[in-house]
Amino acid sequence: MVFKTKIKCPVCEGAAKLSKTSIEVFDKAITLKDNPIYKCSQCGETSATSNIVDKTLKEAKKQFGFCRQIVSTGGSLAIILPTDLAKFYKLKKGEKNRISASRRKTP
């Protein structure tokens, strides 16, 4: 995705130039490096367009997702969660949690 190199600052209407920054998302669970952002050379305010926000959210969701093999344990199936995901959701061994599917796997 290509972004304009300059926009008008929404605060002071000065020139805001496209730059890169690192941001933390999902309660600091993920750091996105080289994230595009506009910074005003006049007032120093940073801002983002809707396209930048969409790109950032898409990248954050991509990095926060995970792929794990389903394993068999006794007569049941299990998925082993990565430690960072378990910490993010504050999951503890032995507690019960409800899992809701966002989409159904299609053959």
N, C-alpha and C. Protein backbone atom coordinates (compact mmCIF):
# COMPACT_ATOMS: atom_id res chain seq x y z
N MET A 1 0.84 -1.17 0.00
CA MET A 1 0.00 0.00 0.00
C MET A 1 0.89 1.24 0.00
N VAL A 2 0.58 2.17 -0.88
CA VAL A 2 1.36 3.38 -1.02
C VAL A 2 0.62 4.54 -0.34
N PHE A 3 1.35 5.32 0.44
CA PHE A 3 0.79 6.45 1.15
C PHE A 3 1.39 7.74 0.63
N LYS A 4 0.65 8.85 0.73
CA LYS A 4 1.17 10.15 0.36
C LYS A 4 2.36 10.48 1.25
N THR A 5 3.36 11.18 0.71
CA THR A 5 4.54 11.52 1.51
C THR A 5 4.27 12.70 2.44
N LYS A 6 3.27 13.54 2.11
CA LYS A 6 2.92 14.68 2.95
C LYS A 6 1.39 14.82 3.00
N ILE A 7 0.90 15.24 4.16
CA ILE A 7 -0.51 15.61 4.31
C ILE A 7 -0.57 16.88 5.15
N LYS A 8 -1.75 17.48 5.22
CA LYS A 8 -1.95 18.65 6.06
C LYS A 8 -2.20 18.17 7.49
N CYS A 9 -1.51 18.74 8.46
CA CYS A 9 -1.69 18.37 9.86
C CYS A 9 -3.12 18.68 10.30
N PRO A 10 -3.81 17.70 10.90
CA PRO A 10 -5.18 17.95 11.33
C PRO A 10 -5.29 18.89 12.54
N VAL A 11 -4.17 19.17 13.21
CA VAL A 11 -4.17 20.04 14.39
C VAL A 11 -3.87 21.49 14.02
N CYS A 12 -2.75 21.71 13.33
CA CYS A 12 -2.33 23.09 13.04
C CYS A 12 -2.32 23.43 11.56
N GLU A 13 -2.62 22.45 10.72
CA GLU A 13 -2.63 22.59 9.26
C GLU A 13 -1.24 22.81 8.67
N GLY A 14 -0.20 22.51 9.43
CA GLY A 14 1.16 22.55 8.91
C GLY A 14 1.40 21.32 8.04
N ALA A 15 2.64 21.14 7.59
CA ALA A 15 3.00 20.01 6.74
C ALA A 15 3.38 18.81 7.62
N ALA A 16 2.64 17.73 7.45
CA ALA A 16 2.95 16.49 8.17
C ALA A 16 3.57 15.52 7.18
N LYS A 17 4.77 15.05 7.49
CA LYS A 17 5.52 14.17 6.59
C LYS A 17 5.40 12.73 7.05
N LEU A 18 5.35 11.84 6.09
CA LEU A 18 5.29 10.41 6.36
C LEU A 18 6.61 9.94 6.95
N SER A 19 6.55 9.22 8.05
CA SER A 19 7.73 8.65 8.67
C SER A 19 7.39 7.25 9.17
N LYS A 20 8.32 6.61 9.80
CA LYS A 20 8.12 5.26 10.34
C LYS A 20 8.36 5.28 11.84
N THR A 21 7.58 4.48 12.55
CA THR A 21 7.73 4.39 14.00
C THR A 21 7.37 2.98 14.46
N SER A 22 7.74 2.64 15.66
CA SER A 22 7.33 1.37 16.27
C SER A 22 6.18 1.66 17.22
N ILE A 23 5.13 0.83 17.16
CA ILE A 23 4.01 0.98 18.08
C ILE A 23 3.69 -0.35 18.72
N GLU A 24 3.13 -0.28 19.92
CA GLU A 24 2.73 -1.48 20.65
C GLU A 24 1.21 -1.58 20.62
N VAL A 25 0.71 -2.78 20.33
CA VAL A 25 -0.74 -3.00 20.25
C VAL A 25 -1.13 -4.22 21.09
N PHE A 26 -2.43 -4.39 21.31
CA PHE A 26 -2.96 -5.51 22.10
C PHE A 26 -2.31 -5.56 23.48
N ASP A 27 -2.45 -4.47 24.22
CA ASP A 27 -1.87 -4.37 25.56
C ASP A 27 -0.38 -4.68 25.58
N LYS A 28 0.33 -4.17 24.59
CA LYS A 28 1.78 -4.31 24.44
C LYS A 28 2.21 -5.75 24.16
N ALA A 29 1.28 -6.59 23.69
CA ALA A 29 1.63 -7.97 23.35
C ALA A 29 2.43 -8.04 22.07
N ILE A 30 2.25 -7.06 21.19
CA ILE A 30 2.93 -7.05 19.89
C ILE A 30 3.51 -5.67 19.64
N THR A 31 4.73 -5.63 19.13
CA THR A 31 5.34 -4.39 18.69
C THR A 31 5.44 -4.43 17.17
N LEU A 32 4.81 -3.46 16.53
CA LEU A 32 4.89 -3.34 15.08
C LEU A 32 6.00 -2.35 14.74
N LYS A 33 7.02 -2.83 14.05
CA LYS A 33 8.16 -1.98 13.69
C LYS A 33 7.92 -1.36 12.32
N ASP A 34 8.52 -0.22 12.09
CA ASP A 34 8.43 0.49 10.82
C ASP A 34 6.99 0.74 10.40
N ASN A 35 6.16 1.11 11.36
CA ASN A 35 4.76 1.41 11.08
C ASN A 35 4.66 2.84 10.52
N PRO A 36 3.93 3.05 9.41
CA PRO A 36 3.83 4.39 8.85
C PRO A 36 3.01 5.32 9.75
N ILE A 37 3.43 6.57 9.83
CA ILE A 37 2.74 7.59 10.63
C ILE A 37 3.11 8.95 10.05
N TYR A 38 2.23 9.91 10.18
CA TYR A 38 2.53 11.27 9.75
C TYR A 38 2.91 12.10 10.96
N LYS A 39 4.02 12.87 10.83
CA LYS A 39 4.46 13.74 11.93
C LYS A 39 4.57 15.16 11.39
N CYS A 40 3.92 16.07 12.10
CA CYS A 40 3.91 17.48 11.69
C CYS A 40 5.24 18.14 12.03
N SER A 41 5.82 18.82 11.04
CA SER A 41 7.09 19.52 11.27
C SER A 41 6.88 20.83 12.03
N GLN A 42 5.64 21.29 12.10
CA GLN A 42 5.35 22.56 12.79
C GLN A 42 5.02 22.35 14.28
N CYS A 43 4.04 21.47 14.57
CA CYS A 43 3.61 21.30 15.98
C CYS A 43 4.07 19.97 16.59
N GLY A 44 4.58 19.05 15.78
CA GLY A 44 5.08 17.78 16.29
C GLY A 44 4.02 16.71 16.49
N GLU A 45 2.76 17.04 16.22
CA GLU A 45 1.66 16.08 16.38
C GLU A 45 1.81 14.93 15.39
N THR A 46 1.47 13.73 15.84
CA THR A 46 1.46 12.58 14.94
C THR A 46 0.01 12.21 14.61
N SER A 47 -0.20 11.72 13.40
CA SER A 47 -1.54 11.33 12.98
C SER A 47 -1.45 10.21 11.96
N ALA A 48 -2.59 9.58 11.72
CA ALA A 48 -2.65 8.49 10.75
C ALA A 48 -3.93 8.61 9.96
N THR A 49 -3.87 8.21 8.71
CA THR A 49 -5.07 8.18 7.87
C THR A 49 -5.80 6.87 8.12
N SER A 50 -7.03 6.76 7.62
CA SER A 50 -7.78 5.52 7.80
C SER A 50 -7.08 4.35 7.11
N ASN A 51 -6.40 4.61 6.00
CA ASN A 51 -5.66 3.53 5.32
C ASN A 51 -4.51 3.01 6.18
N ILE A 52 -3.84 3.91 6.88
CA ILE A 52 -2.75 3.50 7.77
C ILE A 52 -3.31 2.69 8.94
N VAL A 53 -4.42 3.15 9.51
CA VAL A 53 -5.04 2.42 10.62
C VAL A 53 -5.46 1.03 10.17
N ASP A 54 -6.08 0.92 9.00
CA ASP A 54 -6.49 -0.39 8.46
C ASP A 54 -5.29 -1.31 8.28
N LYS A 55 -4.20 -0.77 7.71
CA LYS A 55 -2.98 -1.56 7.50
C LYS A 55 -2.40 -2.02 8.83
N THR A 56 -2.39 -1.12 9.81
CA THR A 56 -1.84 -1.44 11.13
C THR A 56 -2.64 -2.54 11.80
N LEU A 57 -3.96 -2.44 11.79
CA LEU A 57 -4.81 -3.47 12.41
C LEU A 57 -4.65 -4.81 11.71
N LYS A 58 -4.57 -4.80 10.40
CA LYS A 58 -4.39 -6.04 9.63
C LYS A 58 -3.07 -6.71 10.01
N GLU A 59 -2.01 -5.92 10.08
CA GLU A 59 -0.70 -6.46 10.44
C GLU A 59 -0.68 -6.97 11.88
N ALA A 60 -1.32 -6.24 12.79
CA ALA A 60 -1.37 -6.66 14.20
C ALA A 60 -2.11 -7.99 14.34
N LYS A 61 -3.24 -8.12 13.67
CA LYS A 61 -4.00 -9.37 13.73
C LYS A 61 -3.22 -10.53 13.12
N LYS A 62 -2.49 -10.24 12.04
CA LYS A 62 -1.66 -11.27 11.39
C LYS A 62 -0.57 -11.76 12.34
N GLN A 63 0.09 -10.84 13.01
CA GLN A 63 1.18 -11.22 13.92
C GLN A 63 0.67 -11.87 15.20
N PHE A 64 -0.56 -11.50 15.62
CA PHE A 64 -1.09 -12.05 16.86
C PHE A 64 -1.68 -13.44 16.65
N GLY A 65 -1.99 -13.80 15.43
CA GLY A 65 -2.53 -15.13 15.15
C GLY A 65 -1.46 -16.20 15.32
N PHE A 66 -1.89 -17.41 15.38
CA PHE A 66 -0.93 -18.50 15.51
C PHE A 66 -1.47 -19.75 14.83
N CYS A 67 -0.58 -20.64 14.51
CA CYS A 67 -0.96 -21.90 13.88
C CYS A 67 -0.36 -23.02 14.72
N ARG A 68 -1.20 -23.92 15.18
CA ARG A 68 -0.75 -25.04 16.00
C ARG A 68 -1.39 -26.32 15.51
N GLN A 69 -0.67 -27.40 15.66
CA GLN A 69 -1.17 -28.71 15.29
C GLN A 69 -2.15 -29.19 16.37
N ILE A 70 -3.23 -29.81 15.94
CA ILE A 70 -4.18 -30.40 16.88
C ILE A 70 -3.62 -31.76 17.29
N VAL A 71 -3.56 -32.00 18.59
CA VAL A 71 -3.01 -33.24 19.11
C VAL A 71 -4.10 -34.06 19.79
N SER A 72 -3.86 -35.34 19.93
CA SER A 72 -4.79 -36.23 20.60
C SER A 72 -4.29 -36.49 22.00
N THR A 73 -5.21 -36.38 22.96
CA THR A 73 -4.87 -36.65 24.35
C THR A 73 -6.01 -37.47 24.94
N GLY A 74 -5.75 -38.74 25.21
CA GLY A 74 -6.82 -39.64 25.63
C GLY A 74 -7.82 -39.77 24.50
N GLY A 75 -9.10 -39.55 24.77
CA GLY A 75 -10.10 -39.61 23.73
C GLY A 75 -10.49 -38.24 23.21
N SER A 76 -9.73 -37.21 23.55
CA SER A 76 -10.07 -35.85 23.16
C SER A 76 -9.01 -35.25 22.24
N LEU A 77 -9.34 -34.11 21.67
CA LEU A 77 -8.39 -33.34 20.88
C LEU A 77 -7.98 -32.13 21.68
N ALA A 78 -6.76 -31.65 21.46
CA ALA A 78 -6.25 -30.49 22.21
C ALA A 78 -5.42 -29.61 21.30
N ILE A 79 -5.40 -28.33 21.63
CA ILE A 79 -4.54 -27.36 20.96
C ILE A 79 -3.66 -26.75 22.03
N ILE A 80 -2.36 -26.76 21.79
CA ILE A 80 -1.42 -26.18 22.74
C ILE A 80 -1.24 -24.72 22.38
N LEU A 81 -1.57 -23.82 23.33
CA LEU A 81 -1.48 -22.39 23.08
C LEU A 81 -0.08 -21.87 23.35
N PRO A 82 0.38 -20.92 22.54
CA PRO A 82 1.68 -20.31 22.80
C PRO A 82 1.64 -19.52 24.12
N THR A 83 2.76 -19.45 24.81
CA THR A 83 2.85 -18.80 26.10
C THR A 83 2.40 -17.34 26.06
N ASP A 84 2.83 -16.60 25.01
CA ASP A 84 2.46 -15.18 24.96
C ASP A 84 0.96 -14.98 24.82
N LEU A 85 0.28 -15.89 24.12
CA LEU A 85 -1.17 -15.79 23.98
C LEU A 85 -1.85 -16.14 25.31
N ALA A 86 -1.36 -17.15 25.99
CA ALA A 86 -1.91 -17.52 27.30
C ALA A 86 -1.73 -16.38 28.30
N LYS A 87 -0.58 -15.72 28.28
CA LYS A 87 -0.35 -14.58 29.17
C LYS A 87 -1.27 -13.43 28.81
N PHE A 88 -1.45 -13.14 27.51
CA PHE A 88 -2.30 -12.05 27.07
C PHE A 88 -3.72 -12.22 27.58
N TYR A 89 -4.26 -13.44 27.48
CA TYR A 89 -5.62 -13.71 27.93
C TYR A 89 -5.70 -14.12 29.40
N LYS A 90 -4.56 -14.12 30.09
CA LYS A 90 -4.48 -14.45 31.52
C LYS A 90 -5.09 -15.82 31.80
N LEU A 91 -4.70 -16.81 30.99
CA LEU A 91 -5.20 -18.17 31.15
C LEU A 91 -4.36 -18.90 32.19
N LYS A 92 -5.01 -19.69 33.00
CA LYS A 92 -4.33 -20.46 34.05
C LYS A 92 -4.66 -21.93 33.88
N LYS A 93 -3.71 -22.77 34.22
CA LYS A 93 -3.89 -24.22 34.16
C LYS A 93 -5.06 -24.63 35.06
N GLY A 94 -5.95 -25.44 34.53
CA GLY A 94 -7.06 -25.98 35.30
C GLY A 94 -8.33 -25.15 35.25
N GLU A 95 -8.25 -23.87 34.83
CA GLU A 95 -9.47 -23.08 34.78
C GLU A 95 -10.26 -23.38 33.50
N LYS A 96 -11.56 -23.12 33.54
CA LYS A 96 -12.42 -23.36 32.39
C LYS A 96 -12.62 -22.05 31.63
N ASN A 97 -12.60 -22.15 30.30
CA ASN A 97 -12.81 -21.00 29.45
C ASN A 97 -13.69 -21.38 28.28
N ARG A 98 -14.48 -20.43 27.83
CA ARG A 98 -15.35 -20.64 26.67
C ARG A 98 -14.60 -20.19 25.42
N ILE A 99 -14.63 -21.02 24.39
CA ILE A 99 -14.02 -20.70 23.11
C ILE A 99 -15.14 -20.55 22.10
N SER A 100 -15.15 -19.42 21.41
CA SER A 100 -16.16 -19.16 20.39
C SER A 100 -15.48 -19.09 19.03
N ALA A 101 -16.03 -19.77 18.06
CA ALA A 101 -15.46 -19.75 16.71
C ALA A 101 -15.89 -18.50 15.98
N SER A 102 -14.95 -17.89 15.27
CA SER A 102 -15.28 -16.71 14.47
C SER A 102 -15.67 -17.12 13.05
N ARG A 103 -15.23 -18.28 12.64
CA ARG A 103 -15.63 -18.81 11.35
C ARG A 103 -15.49 -20.32 11.38
N ARG A 104 -16.24 -20.99 10.55
CA ARG A 104 -16.20 -22.44 10.50
C ARG A 104 -15.30 -22.88 9.36
N LYS A 105 -14.49 -23.88 9.62
CA LYS A 105 -13.60 -24.42 8.60
C LYS A 105 -14.43 -25.08 7.52
N THR A 106 -14.17 -24.73 6.28
CA THR A 106 -14.90 -25.34 5.17
C THR A 106 -13.98 -26.28 4.42
N PRO A 107 -14.53 -27.41 3.97
CA PRO A 107 -13.67 -28.38 3.26
C PRO A 107 -13.19 -27.89 1.93
